């Protein structure tokens, strides 16, 4: 059995603590069962791909979570050894590891590089220690500074920095100060995410009880647009709603999602797409583990992507990136008001949303999809 995917995602669910806003599939562990997990990943790959005769070539490999750096240096090395049984990649391939600042040390980063990691995505979120405690993060602002210095000294080909904006006003977080400090680190890549309130999370419960008032739309818009202006002025390309990059440092793995190409997902809750069908794994770690170790496919569900769904996704994925969406004559009348409002620009037959338009992405994509659906 083979896969056509040239992009592979591995979900590492382990975290030292659940963040207040997190609704991801994670497993809180002080002591990570590294051997158990790595063995189960290998079992899933055997179920999905068969015992490899020859490693399949891939272009990107992404370890997300959860907190992949929580595996420890030896665990990351063991995981990459398993990946090499099934996949091969060249020296210029993008191999990303998500890391928390408190897991970053000189021995760890050198071990990551030696194991084959080429890119680190650092989950900083804020430089405000009060905000970090409110988020239930396990690191401090001082650890962020130290982690960045270590990552630079290790000379990774690329690295990324994550921040969260639109924090409740009651916390008195200075967003401009956080943004300036992040830009001052000169990261090759920057990801900015607006805080969302998800049901069942600690933040969701605080909000339901009236203990927290989410940031209003005006604050959200002002912080997003201000970040765009500051990052572009600092030489970044705002190439996707939440992502900014210096030249040559676009996230190649993430672009595979936005371009709708096949990708393979392994690990609990991991999603994958083979070009015609989307599938997702069991989210609860114990259930995924039991299935994989018993030689069963740990899939939880799947759905075929027909022509209609493919067209709808093409609209949304195109509009969320700098690539834009190619229009027909039928579409032009619909997007003309967007251009007048400053939400989009039109270049020949391609419409691209502006940052102001990205704030309305869902509604604009929904407005265009009825036209697309009828083609």
Protein backbone atom coordinates (compact mmCIF):
# COMPACT_ATOMS: atom_id res chain seq x y z
CA UNK A 1 0.00 0.00 0.00
CA UNK A 2 1.31 3.48 -0.83
CA UNK A 3 0.25 7.05 -0.31
CA UNK A 4 0.20 9.85 -2.87
CA UNK A 5 0.75 12.42 -0.12
CA UNK A 6 4.04 14.26 -0.04
CA UNK A 7 3.17 15.97 3.24
CA UNK A 8 2.88 14.17 6.59
CA UNK A 9 1.45 15.42 9.87
CA UNK A 10 2.08 13.63 13.19
CA UNK A 11 -0.11 14.62 16.14
CA UNK A 12 1.75 14.40 19.45
CA UNK A 13 -0.99 14.84 22.09
CA UNK A 14 1.04 15.24 25.26
CA UNK A 15 1.06 18.44 27.31
CA UNK A 16 2.20 19.26 30.83
CA UNK A 17 -1.02 21.24 31.35
CA UNK A 18 -4.13 22.14 29.35
CA UNK A 19 -4.24 25.80 28.36
CA UNK A 20 -7.35 27.73 29.39
CA UNK A 21 -8.46 28.23 25.77
CA UNK A 22 -7.49 24.80 24.38
CA UNK A 23 -10.05 22.39 22.92
CA UNK A 24 -7.50 20.28 21.02
CA UNK A 25 -7.13 16.53 21.49
CA UNK A 26 -4.41 16.39 24.13
CA UNK A 27 -3.31 14.05 26.91
CA UNK A 28 -1.95 15.77 30.01
CA UNK A 29 1.06 13.79 31.24
CA UNK A 30 3.84 14.70 33.61
CA UNK A 31 5.76 11.61 32.49
CA UNK A 32 5.32 11.07 28.77
CA UNK A 33 5.00 7.43 27.61
CA UNK A 34 7.47 8.00 24.79
CA UNK A 35 8.20 4.38 23.85
CA UNK A 36 4.51 3.44 23.95
CA UNK A 37 3.57 6.38 21.72
CA UNK A 38 6.35 5.96 19.18
CA UNK A 39 5.61 2.24 18.87
CA UNK A 40 1.91 3.01 18.32
CA UNK A 41 2.74 5.52 15.57
CA UNK A 42 4.74 2.81 13.84
CA UNK A 43 1.81 0.41 14.21
CA UNK A 44 -0.57 2.92 12.64
CA UNK A 45 1.80 3.50 9.73
CA UNK A 46 2.03 -0.26 9.12
CA UNK A 47 -1.78 -0.47 9.10
CA UNK A 48 -2.07 2.50 6.76
CA UNK A 49 0.89 1.90 4.44
CA UNK A 50 1.99 -1.70 5.00
CA UNK A 51 5.49 -2.83 5.90
CA UNK A 52 7.71 -0.55 3.85
CA UNK A 53 9.84 -2.02 1.09
CA UNK A 54 11.15 1.40 0.16
CA UNK A 55 10.58 4.71 1.97
CA UNK A 56 8.16 7.00 0.14
CA UNK A 57 9.46 10.48 -0.77
CA UNK A 58 7.87 13.44 1.01
CA UNK A 59 8.46 17.18 0.96
CA UNK A 60 7.33 18.21 4.45
CA UNK A 61 6.94 16.57 7.84
CA UNK A 62 5.20 18.36 10.70
CA UNK A 63 5.07 17.36 14.37
CA UNK A 64 2.16 19.22 15.96
CA UNK A 65 0.14 18.86 19.10
CA UNK A 66 -0.17 19.00 21.93
CA UNK A 67 3.47 19.70 22.67
CA UNK A 68 5.84 17.61 20.52
CA UNK A 69 8.86 19.01 22.36
CA UNK A 70 7.40 17.33 25.48
CA UNK A 71 8.69 14.04 24.01
CA UNK A 72 12.20 15.07 25.01
CA UNK A 73 15.26 14.99 22.80
CA UNK A 74 15.48 11.19 22.78
CA UNK A 75 11.79 10.91 21.99
CA UNK A 76 12.04 13.28 19.02
CA UNK A 77 14.99 11.28 17.72
CA UNK A 78 13.08 8.00 18.11
CA UNK A 79 10.07 9.46 16.29
CA UNK A 80 12.19 10.56 13.35
CA UNK A 81 13.82 7.12 13.19
CA UNK A 82 10.34 5.61 12.75
CA UNK A 83 9.44 8.17 10.09
CA UNK A 84 12.55 7.22 8.11
CA UNK A 85 11.36 3.62 7.93
CA UNK A 86 8.38 4.79 5.89
CA UNK A 87 9.41 8.10 4.30
CA UNK A 88 12.44 9.72 2.75
CA UNK A 89 13.16 13.40 2.34
CA UNK A 90 15.94 15.54 1.01
CA UNK A 91 18.09 17.95 3.00
CA UNK A 92 15.99 20.90 1.83
CA UNK A 93 12.72 19.32 3.03
CA UNK A 94 10.81 21.17 5.74
CA UNK A 95 10.69 19.18 9.01
CA UNK A 96 8.91 21.18 11.71
CA UNK A 97 8.67 20.61 15.46
CA UNK A 98 6.26 22.60 17.62
CA UNK A 99 7.93 23.51 20.92
CA UNK A 100 7.12 25.26 24.16
CA UNK A 101 9.74 27.73 25.45
CA UNK A 102 10.28 25.77 28.66
CA UNK A 103 11.33 22.70 26.64
CA UNK A 104 14.00 24.61 24.75
CA UNK A 105 17.59 24.13 25.88
CA UNK A 106 20.90 24.05 24.03
CA UNK A 107 21.24 20.24 24.39
CA UNK A 108 17.65 19.76 23.20
CA UNK A 109 17.91 21.99 20.11
CA UNK A 110 21.22 20.46 19.06
CA UNK A 111 19.66 17.02 19.43
CA UNK A 112 16.67 18.12 17.34
CA UNK A 113 18.97 19.37 14.59
CA UNK A 114 21.00 16.16 14.67
CA UNK A 115 17.79 14.11 14.46
CA UNK A 116 16.65 15.97 11.34
CA UNK A 117 14.42 18.84 12.51
CA UNK A 118 14.91 21.86 10.22
CA UNK A 119 12.28 24.25 11.59
CA UNK A 120 10.95 25.06 15.08
CA UNK A 121 7.54 26.62 15.77
CA UNK A 122 7.73 28.31 19.16
CA UNK A 123 4.46 28.65 21.09
CA UNK A 124 5.16 31.89 22.96
CA UNK A 125 1.61 33.43 22.93
CA UNK A 126 2.51 36.49 25.06
CA UNK A 127 5.36 38.24 26.86
CA UNK A 128 3.04 39.25 29.72
CA UNK A 129 3.57 36.88 32.65
CA UNK A 130 0.12 37.61 34.10
CA UNK A 131 -1.46 36.71 30.77
CA UNK A 132 0.65 33.55 30.50
CA UNK A 133 -0.56 32.45 33.93
CA UNK A 134 -4.16 33.23 32.95
CA UNK A 135 -3.69 31.11 29.82
CA UNK A 136 -2.33 28.25 32.00
CA UNK A 137 0.92 28.31 30.01
CA UNK A 138 3.84 26.56 31.68
CA UNK A 139 6.51 29.06 30.64
CA UNK A 140 7.48 32.64 31.52
CA UNK A 141 8.46 35.61 29.38
CA UNK A 142 12.06 35.13 30.50
CA UNK A 143 11.98 31.59 29.13
CA UNK A 144 10.72 32.93 25.79
CA UNK A 145 13.72 35.25 25.54
CA UNK A 146 16.09 32.44 26.42
CA UNK A 147 14.44 30.02 23.98
CA UNK A 148 14.75 32.46 21.08
CA UNK A 149 18.44 32.99 21.79
CA UNK A 150 19.05 29.24 21.88
CA UNK A 151 17.11 28.60 18.67
CA UNK A 152 19.09 31.31 16.89
CA UNK A 153 22.39 29.93 18.19
CA UNK A 154 21.47 26.48 16.89
CA UNK A 155 21.05 28.04 13.43
CA UNK A 156 17.85 26.33 12.32
CA UNK A 157 17.00 26.86 8.67
CA UNK A 158 13.81 28.56 9.81
CA UNK A 159 11.76 29.13 12.93
CA UNK A 160 8.40 30.59 13.77
CA UNK A 161 6.91 32.58 16.61
CA UNK A 162 3.27 32.32 17.78
CA UNK A 163 1.29 35.07 19.51
CA UNK A 164 -2.37 35.29 20.56
CA UNK A 165 -4.24 38.59 20.26
CA UNK A 166 -7.69 39.82 21.34
CA UNK A 167 -7.20 38.92 25.00
CA UNK A 168 -10.01 40.13 27.35
CA UNK A 169 -9.53 43.81 28.15
CA UNK A 170 -9.71 43.17 31.91
CA UNK A 171 -6.26 41.59 31.74
CA UNK A 172 -4.77 44.92 30.58
CA UNK A 173 -2.42 43.18 28.20
CA UNK A 174 -0.41 45.63 26.07
CA UNK A 175 -0.75 44.06 22.62
CA UNK A 176 1.53 46.59 20.93
CA UNK A 177 4.27 45.86 23.45
CA UNK A 178 3.97 42.11 22.83
CA UNK A 179 4.00 42.61 19.08
CA UNK A 180 7.02 44.93 19.21
CA UNK A 181 8.95 42.43 21.33
CA UNK A 182 8.11 39.62 18.93
CA UNK A 183 9.15 41.62 15.87
CA UNK A 184 12.26 42.69 17.73
CA UNK A 185 13.32 39.03 17.82
CA UNK A 186 13.40 39.08 13.97
CA UNK A 187 11.75 35.69 13.52
CA UNK A 188 11.69 34.41 9.93
CA UNK A 189 8.02 33.50 10.42
CA UNK A 190 5.23 34.84 12.62
CA UNK A 191 1.77 33.40 13.35
CA UNK A 192 -0.90 35.53 15.03
CA UNK A 193 -4.15 33.99 16.27
CA UNK A 194 -7.21 35.73 17.64
CA UNK A 195 -8.39 34.22 20.92
CA UNK A 196 -11.60 32.24 20.47
CA UNK A 197 -13.94 30.99 23.19
CA UNK A 198 -14.60 27.26 22.74
CA UNK A 199 -17.30 25.40 24.72
CA UNK A 200 -16.00 23.05 27.38
CA UNK A 201 -12.68 24.84 27.86
CA UNK A 202 -11.77 26.68 31.03
CA UNK A 203 -12.19 29.93 29.10
CA UNK A 204 -15.59 28.79 27.87
CA UNK A 205 -16.73 28.09 31.43
CA UNK A 206 -15.38 31.43 32.71
CA UNK A 207 -17.27 33.18 29.92
CA UNK A 208 -20.52 31.30 30.62
CA UNK A 209 -20.33 32.33 34.29
CA UNK A 210 -19.71 35.94 33.34
CA UNK A 211 -16.24 35.96 34.90
CA UNK A 212 -14.60 36.84 31.58
CA UNK A 213 -15.73 39.25 28.89
CA UNK A 214 -14.17 38.42 25.50
CA UNK A 215 -12.54 41.21 23.51
CA UNK A 216 -15.06 43.11 21.40
CA UNK A 217 -15.03 43.25 17.60
CA UNK A 218 -13.46 46.71 17.54
CA UNK A 219 -10.48 45.57 19.65
CA UNK A 220 -10.10 42.42 17.56
CA UNK A 221 -10.08 44.40 14.31
CA UNK A 222 -7.74 47.11 15.62
CA UNK A 223 -5.20 44.58 16.89
CA UNK A 224 -5.30 42.49 13.71
CA UNK A 225 -4.92 45.46 11.37
CA UNK A 226 -2.26 47.03 13.58
CA UNK A 227 -0.30 43.78 13.52
CA UNK A 228 -0.56 43.66 9.73
CA UNK A 229 0.81 47.18 9.38
CA UNK A 230 3.67 46.58 11.82
CA UNK A 231 4.69 43.23 10.36
CA UNK A 232 4.60 44.43 6.74
CA UNK A 233 6.66 47.48 7.73
CA UNK A 234 9.18 45.08 9.29
CA UNK A 235 9.56 43.22 5.98
CA UNK A 236 7.07 40.40 6.44
CA UNK A 237 4.77 39.07 3.75
CA UNK A 238 1.21 38.62 5.08
CA UNK A 239 0.60 35.53 2.97
CA UNK A 240 -2.32 33.93 4.85
CA UNK A 241 -4.90 35.18 7.33
CA UNK A 242 -2.83 34.29 10.41
CA UNK A 243 0.65 33.95 8.93
CA UNK A 244 3.49 36.29 8.07
CA UNK A 245 6.90 35.38 6.67
CA UNK A 246 10.17 36.89 5.58
CA UNK A 247 11.14 36.04 1.98
CA UNK A 248 11.85 32.34 1.60
CA UNK A 249 10.24 31.35 4.89
CA UNK A 250 6.61 30.60 4.05
CA UNK A 251 5.40 27.50 5.93
CA UNK A 252 5.51 24.91 3.17
CA UNK A 253 3.62 22.27 5.13
CA UNK A 254 0.72 24.57 5.97
CA UNK A 255 0.50 25.71 2.36
CA UNK A 256 -0.30 22.11 1.41
CA UNK A 257 -3.53 22.38 3.44
CA UNK A 258 -4.49 25.68 1.82
CA UNK A 259 -3.75 24.38 -1.67
CA UNK A 260 -5.94 21.30 -1.17
CA UNK A 261 -3.23 18.76 -2.02
CA UNK A 262 -3.11 15.28 -0.38
CA UNK A 263 -1.55 14.96 3.06
CA UNK A 264 -1.25 12.07 5.51
CA UNK A 265 -2.16 12.50 9.18
CA UNK A 266 -1.18 10.03 11.91
CA UNK A 267 -1.65 10.07 15.66
CA UNK A 268 -4.74 10.71 17.80
CA UNK A 269 -7.24 13.13 16.18
CA UNK A 270 -4.99 13.61 13.12
CA UNK A 271 -6.76 14.46 9.86
CA UNK A 272 -5.68 13.43 6.39
CA UNK A 273 -6.77 13.89 2.78
CA UNK A 274 -5.94 11.59 -0.13
CA UNK A 275 -7.30 13.83 -2.88
CA UNK A 276 -10.82 12.41 -2.81
CA UNK A 277 -11.61 11.55 0.83
CA UNK A 278 -10.97 13.29 4.12
CA UNK A 279 -10.49 11.12 7.23
CA UNK A 280 -9.80 11.69 10.90
CA UNK A 281 -8.50 9.50 13.70
CA UNK A 282 -9.94 8.75 17.10
CA UNK A 283 -9.27 11.74 19.33
CA UNK A 284 -8.99 10.14 22.77
CA UNK A 285 -5.43 8.93 23.28
CA UNK A 286 -6.35 5.62 24.97
CA UNK A 287 -8.79 4.71 22.19
CA UNK A 288 -6.35 5.61 19.42
CA UNK A 289 -3.58 3.69 21.20
CA UNK A 290 -5.68 0.54 21.69
CA UNK A 291 -6.70 0.46 18.03
CA UNK A 292 -3.21 1.09 16.65
CA UNK A 293 -1.51 -1.44 18.94
CA UNK A 294 -4.06 -4.14 18.04
CA UNK A 295 -3.38 -3.70 14.34
CA UNK A 296 -6.60 -1.84 13.58
CA UNK A 297 -6.95 1.39 11.64
CA UNK A 298 -7.66 4.04 14.34
CA UNK A 299 -9.92 6.01 11.98
CA UNK A 300 -12.95 7.63 13.60
CA UNK A 301 -14.65 8.82 10.44
CA UNK A 302 -14.28 9.85 6.83
CA UNK A 303 -16.13 11.77 4.15
CA UNK A 304 -15.81 11.84 0.37
CA UNK A 305 -15.11 15.23 -1.15
CA UNK A 306 -17.33 15.53 -4.20
CA UNK A 307 -17.27 18.19 -6.89
CA UNK A 308 -19.59 20.46 -4.89
CA UNK A 309 -17.56 20.26 -1.69
CA UNK A 310 -14.34 20.67 -3.63
CA UNK A 311 -15.63 23.89 -5.21
CA UNK A 312 -16.72 25.29 -1.84
CA UNK A 313 -13.36 24.52 -0.29
CA UNK A 314 -11.52 26.04 -3.22
CA UNK A 315 -13.32 29.34 -2.57
CA UNK A 316 -12.56 29.38 1.14
CA UNK A 317 -8.96 28.19 0.85
CA UNK A 318 -8.23 30.59 -2.00
CA UNK A 319 -9.69 33.61 -0.21
CA UNK A 320 -7.78 32.92 3.01
CA UNK A 321 -4.41 33.14 1.26
CA UNK A 322 -2.53 35.68 -0.79
CA UNK A 323 -3.05 33.42 -3.82
CA UNK A 324 -6.67 34.49 -4.03
CA UNK A 325 -9.49 32.89 -6.01
CA UNK A 326 -9.95 32.80 -9.78
CA UNK A 327 -13.28 34.26 -10.90
CA UNK A 328 -15.57 33.83 -13.88
CA UNK A 329 -17.60 36.64 -15.43
CA UNK A 330 -20.54 35.52 -13.28
CA UNK A 331 -18.56 36.21 -10.12
CA UNK A 332 -17.40 39.70 -11.04
CA UNK A 333 -20.63 41.51 -10.17
CA UNK A 334 -20.66 39.87 -6.75
CA UNK A 335 -17.15 40.96 -5.75
CA UNK A 336 -17.37 44.51 -7.12
CA UNK A 337 -18.89 45.84 -3.85
CA UNK A 338 -16.06 44.16 -1.89
CA UNK A 339 -13.53 46.18 -3.84
CA UNK A 340 -15.44 49.40 -3.18
CA UNK A 341 -15.44 48.62 0.57
CA UNK A 342 -11.70 47.94 0.61
CA UNK A 343 -12.22 44.25 1.35
CA UNK A 344 -10.61 42.92 -1.82
CA UNK A 345 -8.51 43.74 -4.83
CA UNK A 346 -8.97 42.36 -8.34
CA UNK A 347 -6.06 41.47 -10.60
CA UNK A 348 -7.28 40.23 -13.97
CA UNK A 349 -9.52 37.30 -13.02
CA UNK A 350 -8.21 36.78 -9.47
CA UNK A 351 -9.76 38.31 -6.35
CA UNK A 352 -7.58 38.65 -3.27
CA UNK A 353 -8.87 39.72 0.11
CA UNK A 354 -7.20 42.59 1.93
CA UNK A 355 -6.56 42.37 5.69
CA UNK A 356 -9.85 44.22 6.16
CA UNK A 357 -11.51 41.55 4.00
CA UNK A 358 -9.87 38.72 5.93
CA UNK A 359 -11.73 39.94 8.99
CA UNK A 360 -14.90 39.03 7.06
CA UNK A 361 -13.54 35.84 5.49
CA UNK A 362 -16.35 33.50 6.52
CA UNK A 363 -19.15 35.74 5.29
CA UNK A 364 -17.40 36.68 2.04
CA UNK A 365 -16.62 33.05 1.23
CA UNK A 366 -20.23 32.11 1.99
CA UNK A 367 -21.46 34.86 -0.34
CA UNK A 368 -19.34 33.55 -3.22
CA UNK A 369 -20.05 29.83 -2.79
CA UNK A 370 -23.64 29.83 -4.13
CA UNK A 371 -22.25 31.10 -7.42
CA UNK A 372 -19.52 28.47 -7.39
CA UNK A 373 -21.94 25.71 -6.44
CA UNK A 374 -24.05 26.32 -9.55
CA UNK A 375 -21.20 25.91 -12.01
